[in-house]
Amino acid sequence: MCLLTPKAFDVLRYLVEHADRLVTQDEILGALWPETYVNPEVIKKYILGIRKALAIVTTSLNSLKHFRGGVTSL
């Protein structure tokens, strides 16, 4: 199951690669859409999608039960 669009994944990857500092919208736009005008609102849309995807993954991970020798879902 794919939770992120390819461009949303690019945004996430860029943020992770630069996690040691504040990243501006303009920087993301310049890095991921060079030579193209993109409305900055697009970044908000991708961030919302990333947050939703991470919430789904987190919920799934929280439903795992560890036991000696492995992991099972509840």
N, C-alpha and C. Protein backbone atom coordinates (compact mmCIF):
# COMPACT_ATOMS: atom_id res chain seq x y z
N MET A 1 0.85 -1.18 0.00
CA MET A 1 0.00 0.00 0.00
C MET A 1 0.89 1.24 0.00
N CYS A 2 0.63 2.15 -0.91
CA CYS A 2 1.39 3.39 -1.01
C CYS A 2 0.63 4.49 -0.28
N LEU A 3 1.25 5.04 0.74
CA LEU A 3 0.59 6.07 1.53
C LEU A 3 0.94 7.49 1.07
N LEU A 4 2.04 7.63 0.34
CA LEU A 4 2.48 8.95 -0.10
C LEU A 4 2.62 9.00 -1.61
N THR A 5 2.29 10.14 -2.17
CA THR A 5 2.56 10.35 -3.59
C THR A 5 4.07 10.49 -3.76
N PRO A 6 4.57 10.31 -4.96
CA PRO A 6 6.01 10.47 -5.16
C PRO A 6 6.53 11.85 -4.74
N LYS A 7 5.79 12.90 -5.04
CA LYS A 7 6.26 14.24 -4.68
C LYS A 7 6.19 14.46 -3.16
N ALA A 8 5.17 13.92 -2.51
CA ALA A 8 5.10 14.02 -1.05
C ALA A 8 6.29 13.29 -0.43
N PHE A 9 6.66 12.15 -1.01
CA PHE A 9 7.84 11.44 -0.52
C PHE A 9 9.10 12.28 -0.72
N ASP A 10 9.20 12.98 -1.84
CA ASP A 10 10.34 13.87 -2.08
C ASP A 10 10.42 14.96 -1.01
N VAL A 11 9.27 15.52 -0.65
CA VAL A 11 9.23 16.55 0.40
C VAL A 11 9.70 15.94 1.72
N LEU A 12 9.19 14.79 2.07
CA LEU A 12 9.59 14.12 3.31
C LEU A 12 11.08 13.83 3.31
N ARG A 13 11.57 13.29 2.21
CA ARG A 13 13.00 12.98 2.11
C ARG A 13 13.84 14.25 2.28
N TYR A 14 13.43 15.34 1.65
CA TYR A 14 14.17 16.60 1.77
C TYR A 14 14.19 17.07 3.23
N LEU A 15 13.06 16.98 3.90
CA LEU A 15 13.00 17.39 5.30
C LEU A 15 13.88 16.51 6.19
N VAL A 16 13.88 15.22 5.94
CA VAL A 16 14.71 14.31 6.73
C VAL A 16 16.19 14.58 6.47
N GLU A 17 16.54 14.79 5.22
CA GLU A 17 17.94 15.06 4.88
C GLU A 17 18.45 16.37 5.49
N HIS A 18 17.53 17.28 5.82
CA HIS A 18 17.92 18.57 6.39
C HIS A 18 17.30 18.75 7.79
N ALA A 19 17.19 17.67 8.51
CA ALA A 19 16.54 17.69 9.81
C ALA A 19 17.30 18.48 10.86
N ASP A 20 18.54 18.80 10.59
CA ASP A 20 19.36 19.51 11.57
C ASP A 20 19.12 21.01 11.58
N ARG A 21 18.21 21.48 10.72
CA ARG A 21 17.97 22.93 10.65
C ARG A 21 16.56 23.23 10.15
N LEU A 22 16.17 24.48 10.29
CA LEU A 22 14.88 24.93 9.79
C LEU A 22 14.92 24.99 8.27
N VAL A 23 13.91 24.45 7.63
CA VAL A 23 13.81 24.47 6.17
C VAL A 23 12.60 25.33 5.81
N THR A 24 12.81 26.32 4.94
CA THR A 24 11.73 27.21 4.56
C THR A 24 10.95 26.65 3.38
N GLN A 25 9.75 27.16 3.20
CA GLN A 25 8.95 26.78 2.04
C GLN A 25 9.67 27.13 0.74
N ASP A 26 10.26 28.31 0.72
CA ASP A 26 10.97 28.74 -0.49
C ASP A 26 12.12 27.79 -0.83
N GLU A 27 12.81 27.31 0.19
CA GLU A 27 13.91 26.38 -0.03
C GLU A 27 13.40 25.07 -0.62
N ILE A 28 12.30 24.56 -0.06
CA ILE A 28 11.71 23.31 -0.58
C ILE A 28 11.26 23.51 -2.02
N LEU A 29 10.58 24.62 -2.27
CA LEU A 29 10.11 24.90 -3.63
C LEU A 29 11.28 24.98 -4.61
N GLY A 30 12.34 25.65 -4.21
CA GLY A 30 13.50 25.78 -5.08
C GLY A 30 14.22 24.47 -5.32
N ALA A 31 14.24 23.62 -4.31
CA ALA A 31 14.94 22.34 -4.43
C ALA A 31 14.14 21.31 -5.22
N LEU A 32 12.84 21.29 -5.03
CA LEU A 32 12.02 20.24 -5.63
C LEU A 32 11.32 20.66 -6.92
N TRP A 33 11.18 21.95 -7.11
CA TRP A 33 10.54 22.46 -8.33
C TRP A 33 11.41 23.56 -8.94
N PRO A 34 12.64 23.25 -9.28
CA PRO A 34 13.49 24.31 -9.85
C PRO A 34 12.95 24.76 -11.20
N GLU A 35 13.09 26.03 -11.46
CA GLU A 35 12.68 26.59 -12.75
C GLU A 35 11.17 26.53 -13.00
N THR A 36 10.38 26.22 -11.98
CA THR A 36 8.93 26.12 -12.14
C THR A 36 8.26 26.88 -11.01
N TYR A 37 7.23 27.68 -11.34
CA TYR A 37 6.47 28.34 -10.28
C TYR A 37 5.47 27.34 -9.72
N VAL A 38 5.51 27.20 -8.40
CA VAL A 38 4.55 26.35 -7.68
C VAL A 38 4.02 27.17 -6.52
N ASN A 39 2.71 27.20 -6.37
CA ASN A 39 2.08 27.91 -5.27
C ASN A 39 2.56 27.32 -3.95
N PRO A 40 3.02 28.15 -3.02
CA PRO A 40 3.50 27.65 -1.73
C PRO A 40 2.46 26.83 -0.95
N GLU A 41 1.19 27.00 -1.26
CA GLU A 41 0.14 26.21 -0.60
C GLU A 41 0.31 24.72 -0.87
N VAL A 42 0.98 24.39 -1.97
CA VAL A 42 1.22 22.99 -2.32
C VAL A 42 2.03 22.31 -1.22
N ILE A 43 2.98 23.03 -0.64
CA ILE A 43 3.79 22.46 0.43
C ILE A 43 2.89 22.05 1.60
N LYS A 44 1.94 22.91 1.95
CA LYS A 44 1.02 22.59 3.05
C LYS A 44 0.23 21.32 2.75
N LYS A 45 -0.18 21.16 1.49
CA LYS A 45 -0.93 19.97 1.09
C LYS A 45 -0.07 18.71 1.28
N TYR A 46 1.19 18.78 0.85
CA TYR A 46 2.06 17.62 0.99
C TYR A 46 2.38 17.33 2.46
N ILE A 47 2.58 18.36 3.25
CA ILE A 47 2.85 18.17 4.68
C ILE A 47 1.65 17.50 5.36
N LEU A 48 0.44 17.92 5.01
CA LEU A 48 -0.76 17.29 5.55
C LEU A 48 -0.80 15.81 5.19
N GLY A 49 -0.50 15.48 3.93
CA GLY A 49 -0.47 14.09 3.50
C GLY A 49 0.59 13.28 4.24
N ILE A 50 1.76 13.90 4.46
CA ILE A 50 2.83 13.22 5.20
C ILE A 50 2.39 12.96 6.63
N ARG A 51 1.77 13.95 7.27
CA ARG A 51 1.29 13.76 8.65
C ARG A 51 0.26 12.64 8.73
N LYS A 52 -0.66 12.59 7.77
CA LYS A 52 -1.67 11.52 7.77
C LYS A 52 -1.01 10.17 7.59
N ALA A 53 -0.06 10.07 6.66
CA ALA A 53 0.62 8.80 6.42
C ALA A 53 1.39 8.35 7.65
N LEU A 54 2.07 9.28 8.30
CA LEU A 54 2.82 8.93 9.51
C LEU A 54 1.89 8.51 10.64
N ALA A 55 0.72 9.12 10.72
CA ALA A 55 -0.26 8.73 11.75
C ALA A 55 -0.74 7.31 11.50
N ILE A 56 -0.96 6.95 10.24
CA ILE A 56 -1.40 5.59 9.91
C ILE A 56 -0.31 4.59 10.28
N VAL A 57 0.93 4.91 9.93
CA VAL A 57 2.05 4.02 10.23
C VAL A 57 2.22 3.88 11.74
N THR A 58 2.14 5.00 12.46
CA THR A 58 2.28 4.98 13.91
C THR A 58 1.18 4.13 14.54
N THR A 59 -0.04 4.30 14.08
CA THR A 59 -1.16 3.51 14.60
C THR A 59 -0.93 2.03 14.34
N SER A 60 -0.46 1.70 13.16
CA SER A 60 -0.18 0.31 12.83
C SER A 60 0.92 -0.25 13.71
N LEU A 61 1.96 0.54 13.93
CA LEU A 61 3.06 0.08 14.77
C LEU A 61 2.61 -0.10 16.22
N ASN A 62 1.71 0.77 16.68
CA ASN A 62 1.22 0.65 18.05
C ASN A 62 0.34 -0.58 18.23
N SER A 63 -0.16 -1.14 17.14
CA SER A 63 -1.01 -2.32 17.28
C SER A 63 -0.21 -3.62 17.20
N LEU A 64 1.11 -3.50 17.19
CA LEU A 64 1.95 -4.69 17.19
C LEU A 64 2.24 -5.12 18.62
N LYS A 65 2.27 -6.40 18.84
CA LYS A 65 2.57 -6.93 20.16
C LYS A 65 3.87 -7.71 20.06
N HIS A 66 4.83 -7.32 20.89
CA HIS A 66 6.10 -8.02 20.91
C HIS A 66 6.00 -9.22 21.85
N PHE A 67 6.60 -10.29 21.46
CA PHE A 67 6.70 -11.45 22.32
C PHE A 67 8.06 -12.09 22.09
N ARG A 68 8.47 -12.93 22.98
CA ARG A 68 9.78 -13.54 22.86
C ARG A 68 9.87 -14.30 21.53
N GLY A 69 10.82 -13.86 20.70
CA GLY A 69 11.02 -14.53 19.43
C GLY A 69 10.34 -13.87 18.26
N GLY A 70 9.55 -12.80 18.48
CA GLY A 70 8.92 -12.19 17.33
C GLY A 70 7.94 -11.09 17.67
N VAL A 71 7.16 -10.75 16.66
CA VAL A 71 6.16 -9.69 16.78
C VAL A 71 4.90 -10.17 16.08
N THR A 72 3.75 -9.84 16.63
CA THR A 72 2.48 -10.14 15.98
C THR A 72 1.58 -8.95 16.07
N SER A 73 0.62 -8.85 15.18
CA SER A 73 -0.35 -7.76 15.27
C SER A 73 -1.51 -8.18 16.14
N LEU A 74 -2.10 -7.21 16.81
CA LEU A 74 -3.22 -7.51 17.70
C LEU A 74 -4.50 -7.67 16.94
